[in-house]
């Protein structure tokens, strides 16, 4: 596949951070860990990966703004471009030695997502997408699953844990969904969940109370793989509302109805 210069920049950045993260994952028990909030931890590996990503992205595009999980918003001189970065999505998995986590980087141009990368450094799976250029897993073109009937679908979700709101709402949504589908999965890393929808591994996914860095790259992956993505109200304010519902043209509307109740 041919990659644009900006996508090459993103790939190089996540690969560099991924090598460091892979080494740290091998020594996960020895990492320094500090509490960031109830049930939400940030590790030395998280901070180190973010520093690497920031340095690499600023080196090649010094004027672009950044929105980063740990560092917050870093304003640049270019008002039309910003990177949206999650250095470690799936921190709890990482800390427990579960190899389901990812680095996620997206580029937004004038308010529109134009490029995205999701990389699992343990499985060496690199998901990439550019607006109008399709979505890929390594060098293989991605398409969302073709299932038409939600009763045959496997749906991913996020489960609100300690310190997160809306437990009762989630249980209501889950009850409606699990009564209509073939299976429900919770992997613990939203960026990968969205990438799995793009790859056809999951037929759909929904979650609330996400941050923009959790889903920006994944949203573009799904769209470029032929899928549909909205917020939980059926609109397009995913990055600001924090909610996402996705699937193919048949599964998405059915899943959205179940989530909305």
Protein backbone atom coordinates (compact mmCIF):
# COMPACT_ATOMS: atom_id res chain seq x y z
CA UNK A 1 0.00 0.00 0.00
CA UNK A 2 1.13 3.55 -0.70
CA UNK A 3 1.27 5.83 2.32
CA UNK A 4 1.27 9.61 2.28
CA UNK A 5 4.17 11.46 3.93
CA UNK A 6 2.01 12.37 6.93
CA UNK A 7 0.88 8.78 7.45
CA UNK A 8 4.49 7.64 7.26
CA UNK A 9 5.27 10.13 10.02
CA UNK A 10 2.51 8.65 12.17
CA UNK A 11 3.62 5.07 11.52
CA UNK A 12 7.23 5.85 12.39
CA UNK A 13 6.15 7.54 15.61
CA UNK A 14 3.98 4.66 16.84
CA UNK A 15 6.58 2.08 15.84
CA UNK A 16 9.24 3.87 17.87
CA UNK A 17 6.98 4.20 20.91
CA UNK A 18 5.83 0.61 20.43
CA UNK A 19 9.35 -0.79 20.67
CA UNK A 20 9.79 0.90 24.04
CA UNK A 21 6.38 -0.24 25.24
CA UNK A 22 7.08 -3.83 24.22
CA UNK A 23 10.22 -3.84 26.37
CA UNK A 24 8.34 -2.37 29.31
CA UNK A 25 5.55 -4.89 28.92
CA UNK A 26 8.12 -7.63 29.40
CA UNK A 27 8.97 -6.12 32.77
CA UNK A 28 5.47 -5.04 33.72
CA UNK A 29 5.83 -6.00 37.38
CA UNK A 30 8.76 -3.63 37.82
CA UNK A 31 7.12 -0.56 36.32
CA UNK A 32 6.56 2.48 38.47
CA UNK A 33 2.84 3.04 38.81
CA UNK A 34 1.07 6.13 40.08
CA UNK A 35 -2.65 6.47 40.73
CA UNK A 36 -4.45 8.85 38.37
CA UNK A 37 -7.92 8.22 39.78
CA UNK A 38 -10.18 5.41 40.94
CA UNK A 39 -9.54 2.35 38.79
CA UNK A 40 -7.45 4.38 36.33
CA UNK A 41 -3.67 4.16 36.41
CA UNK A 42 -0.86 5.69 34.48
CA UNK A 43 2.47 3.90 34.20
CA UNK A 44 5.98 4.98 33.52
CA UNK A 45 5.60 3.29 30.13
CA UNK A 46 2.56 5.47 29.37
CA UNK A 47 4.43 8.70 30.05
CA UNK A 48 7.54 7.57 28.21
CA UNK A 49 5.53 6.58 25.13
CA UNK A 50 3.72 9.91 25.11
CA UNK A 51 7.02 11.80 25.33
CA UNK A 52 8.36 9.80 22.38
CA UNK A 53 5.24 10.40 20.29
CA UNK A 54 5.21 14.11 21.06
CA UNK A 55 8.90 14.51 20.20
CA UNK A 56 8.59 12.61 16.92
CA UNK A 57 5.41 14.35 15.77
CA UNK A 58 6.66 17.81 16.70
CA UNK A 59 9.98 17.14 15.00
CA UNK A 60 8.39 16.63 11.60
CA UNK A 61 5.30 18.86 11.98
CA UNK A 62 6.35 21.48 14.55
CA UNK A 63 3.35 23.75 14.01
CA UNK A 64 0.61 21.21 14.60
CA UNK A 65 -1.34 21.26 17.87
CA UNK A 66 -1.60 18.14 20.02
CA UNK A 67 -4.35 16.68 22.17
CA UNK A 68 -2.72 14.09 24.44
CA UNK A 69 -4.08 11.95 27.25
CA UNK A 70 -1.42 12.84 29.80
CA UNK A 71 -0.21 16.27 28.64
CA UNK A 72 -3.57 17.72 27.62
CA UNK A 73 -3.83 20.29 24.81
CA UNK A 74 -0.61 21.69 23.39
CA UNK A 75 -1.38 24.58 21.08
CA UNK A 76 0.63 24.94 17.86
CA UNK A 77 1.02 27.72 15.35
CA UNK A 78 -1.05 25.94 12.70
CA UNK A 79 -4.75 26.42 13.59
CA UNK A 80 -5.99 23.85 11.07
CA UNK A 81 -4.07 20.76 12.18
CA UNK A 82 -3.95 18.81 15.40
CA UNK A 83 -2.73 15.39 16.47
CA UNK A 84 -5.03 13.37 18.77
CA UNK A 85 -2.86 10.93 20.71
CA UNK A 86 -3.37 8.09 23.17
CA UNK A 87 0.05 6.63 24.06
CA UNK A 88 -1.41 3.61 25.84
CA UNK A 89 -5.04 2.64 25.39
CA UNK A 90 -5.74 -0.34 27.65
CA UNK A 91 -3.54 0.61 30.60
CA UNK A 92 -5.27 -1.80 32.97
CA UNK A 93 -4.67 -4.67 30.52
CA UNK A 94 -1.03 -3.61 30.25
CA UNK A 95 -0.57 -3.59 34.03
CA UNK A 96 -2.10 -7.04 34.36
CA UNK A 97 0.01 -8.58 31.62
CA UNK A 98 -2.88 -8.85 29.16
CA UNK A 99 -1.55 -8.19 25.63
CA UNK A 100 -4.57 -6.22 24.46
CA UNK A 101 -3.57 -2.55 24.33
CA UNK A 102 -2.57 -0.07 21.67
CA UNK A 103 -1.05 3.24 20.69
CA UNK A 104 -3.54 5.44 18.84
CA UNK A 105 -2.74 8.55 16.79
CA UNK A 106 -5.12 10.53 14.58
CA UNK A 107 -4.70 13.69 12.54
CA UNK A 108 -7.50 16.22 12.35
CA UNK A 109 -7.47 18.86 9.61
CA UNK A 110 -9.90 21.77 9.88
CA UNK A 111 -12.12 19.71 12.17
CA UNK A 112 -12.10 16.62 9.96
CA UNK A 113 -10.29 13.36 10.66
CA UNK A 114 -7.92 12.68 7.76
CA UNK A 115 -5.50 10.00 9.03
CA UNK A 116 -5.40 7.44 11.81
CA UNK A 117 -3.11 4.74 13.18
CA UNK A 118 -3.78 2.10 15.84
CA UNK A 119 -0.84 -0.16 16.75
CA UNK A 120 -0.68 -3.15 19.09
CA UNK A 121 3.06 -3.59 19.68
CA UNK A 122 2.65 -7.10 21.11
CA UNK A 123 0.80 -8.62 18.16
CA UNK A 124 2.59 -6.30 15.71
CA UNK A 125 -0.78 -5.38 14.18
CA UNK A 126 -0.72 -1.94 12.55
CA UNK A 127 -4.10 -0.52 11.54
CA UNK A 128 -3.93 2.55 9.29
CA UNK A 129 -6.39 4.71 7.43
CA UNK A 130 -6.44 7.89 5.37
CA UNK A 131 -9.53 9.78 4.33
CA UNK A 132 -10.48 8.56 0.86
CA UNK A 133 -7.64 6.04 0.81
CA UNK A 134 -9.11 3.05 2.60
CA UNK A 135 -8.20 1.21 5.79
CA UNK A 136 -5.48 -1.40 6.19
CA UNK A 137 -4.13 -3.98 8.62
CA UNK A 138 -0.44 -4.01 7.88
CA UNK A 139 -0.63 -4.29 4.05
CA UNK A 140 -4.07 -5.90 3.77
CA UNK A 141 -7.14 -3.87 2.84
CA UNK A 142 -9.91 -3.91 5.46
CA UNK A 143 -13.68 -4.20 5.08
CA UNK A 144 -16.28 -4.33 7.81
CA UNK A 145 -18.12 -7.61 8.29
CA UNK A 146 -20.93 -8.36 5.84
CA UNK A 147 -23.47 -9.84 8.28
CA UNK A 148 -26.94 -8.45 7.78
CA UNK A 149 -28.84 -9.91 10.76
CA UNK A 150 -27.97 -8.69 14.24
CA UNK A 151 -28.93 -12.05 15.75
CA UNK A 152 -25.77 -13.46 14.11
CA UNK A 153 -23.57 -10.57 15.26
CA UNK A 154 -20.80 -10.43 17.84
CA UNK A 155 -20.83 -6.97 19.41
CA UNK A 156 -18.09 -5.29 21.41
CA UNK A 157 -18.68 -2.90 24.28
CA UNK A 158 -17.01 -0.96 27.04
CA UNK A 159 -17.99 -1.62 30.67
CA UNK A 160 -17.94 1.33 33.08
CA UNK A 161 -15.77 0.43 36.04
CA UNK A 162 -14.87 1.97 39.38
CA UNK A 163 -14.92 5.76 39.15
CA UNK A 164 -16.88 5.84 35.90
CA UNK A 165 -20.53 6.94 35.76
CA UNK A 166 -23.70 5.42 34.30
CA UNK A 167 -23.41 1.85 35.54
CA UNK A 168 -27.20 1.49 35.60
CA UNK A 169 -27.53 2.85 32.06
CA UNK A 170 -24.94 0.38 30.80
CA UNK A 171 -26.74 -2.55 32.41
CA UNK A 172 -29.97 -1.49 30.70
CA UNK A 173 -28.20 -1.22 27.33
CA UNK A 174 -26.42 -4.54 27.80
CA UNK A 175 -29.68 -6.27 28.67
CA UNK A 176 -31.27 -5.05 25.45
CA UNK A 177 -28.24 -5.93 23.32
CA UNK A 178 -27.42 -9.34 24.73
CA UNK A 179 -30.97 -10.50 24.18
CA UNK A 180 -30.65 -9.87 20.45
CA UNK A 181 -27.12 -10.84 19.45
CA UNK A 182 -24.92 -13.92 19.12
CA UNK A 183 -22.28 -12.68 21.56
CA UNK A 184 -20.93 -9.67 23.47
CA UNK A 185 -17.22 -9.02 24.02
CA UNK A 186 -15.34 -6.57 26.24
CA UNK A 187 -11.61 -6.33 25.45
CA UNK A 188 -10.69 -3.20 27.41
CA UNK A 189 -9.13 -0.99 24.72
CA UNK A 190 -11.59 1.08 22.69
CA UNK A 191 -9.14 1.94 19.93
CA UNK A 192 -8.62 -1.75 19.24
CA UNK A 193 -12.34 -2.48 19.52
CA UNK A 194 -12.98 0.04 16.76
CA UNK A 195 -10.11 -1.36 14.69
CA UNK A 196 -11.63 -4.83 15.11
CA UNK A 197 -14.92 -3.54 13.71
CA UNK A 198 -13.03 -2.15 10.72
CA UNK A 199 -11.35 -5.55 10.28
CA UNK A 200 -14.63 -7.47 10.51
CA UNK A 201 -13.65 -9.22 13.74
CA UNK A 202 -16.48 -7.52 15.57
CA UNK A 203 -19.78 -6.75 13.85
CA UNK A 204 -20.40 -3.68 15.96
CA UNK A 205 -19.36 -1.79 19.07
CA UNK A 206 -20.74 0.76 21.49
CA UNK A 207 -19.40 2.65 24.47
CA UNK A 208 -20.01 5.87 26.39
CA UNK A 209 -17.76 8.27 28.31
CA UNK A 210 -14.77 7.91 26.02
CA UNK A 211 -12.24 10.61 25.27
CA UNK A 212 -11.37 11.86 21.80
CA UNK A 213 -7.99 10.08 21.88
CA UNK A 214 -9.70 6.75 22.60
CA UNK A 215 -11.65 6.75 19.34
CA UNK A 216 -10.44 9.33 16.80
CA UNK A 217 -8.22 6.95 14.81
CA UNK A 218 -10.71 4.09 15.13
CA UNK A 219 -13.58 6.19 13.80
CA UNK A 220 -11.66 6.87 10.60
CA UNK A 221 -10.66 3.22 10.29
CA UNK A 222 -14.30 2.14 10.34
CA UNK A 223 -15.45 4.78 7.86
CA UNK A 224 -12.65 3.89 5.45
CA UNK A 225 -13.50 0.19 5.83
CA UNK A 226 -17.06 0.88 4.69
CA UNK A 227 -18.69 1.06 8.10
CA UNK A 228 -20.98 3.53 9.84
CA UNK A 229 -20.21 5.46 13.04
CA UNK A 230 -22.39 7.77 15.12
CA UNK A 231 -22.69 8.90 18.69
CA UNK A 232 -25.29 7.26 20.93
CA UNK A 233 -27.90 9.80 19.84
CA UNK A 234 -27.37 8.97 16.17
CA UNK A 235 -25.42 12.15 15.41
CA UNK A 236 -21.82 12.80 14.47
CA UNK A 237 -20.57 14.36 17.70
CA UNK A 238 -18.56 11.34 18.78
CA UNK A 239 -15.43 13.24 19.79
CA UNK A 240 -17.33 15.76 21.91
CA UNK A 241 -20.13 13.58 23.29
CA UNK A 242 -17.80 10.74 24.25
CA UNK A 243 -20.15 8.07 22.92
CA UNK A 244 -19.82 5.85 19.88
CA UNK A 245 -21.98 3.25 18.12
CA UNK A 246 -20.70 1.53 14.97
CA UNK A 247 -21.13 -1.34 12.56
CA UNK A 248 -21.93 -2.01 8.93
CA UNK A 249 -24.94 -0.54 7.13
CA UNK A 250 -27.22 -3.28 8.49
CA UNK A 251 -25.89 -3.79 12.03
CA UNK A 252 -25.31 -0.15 12.94
CA UNK A 253 -28.94 1.03 12.80
CA UNK A 254 -30.12 -2.04 14.73
CA UNK A 255 -27.46 -1.61 17.39
CA UNK A 256 -28.25 2.09 17.65
CA UNK A 257 -31.92 1.32 18.28
CA UNK A 258 -30.99 -1.08 21.08
CA UNK A 259 -28.61 1.42 22.69
CA UNK A 260 -31.15 4.24 22.49
CA UNK A 261 -33.85 1.96 23.91
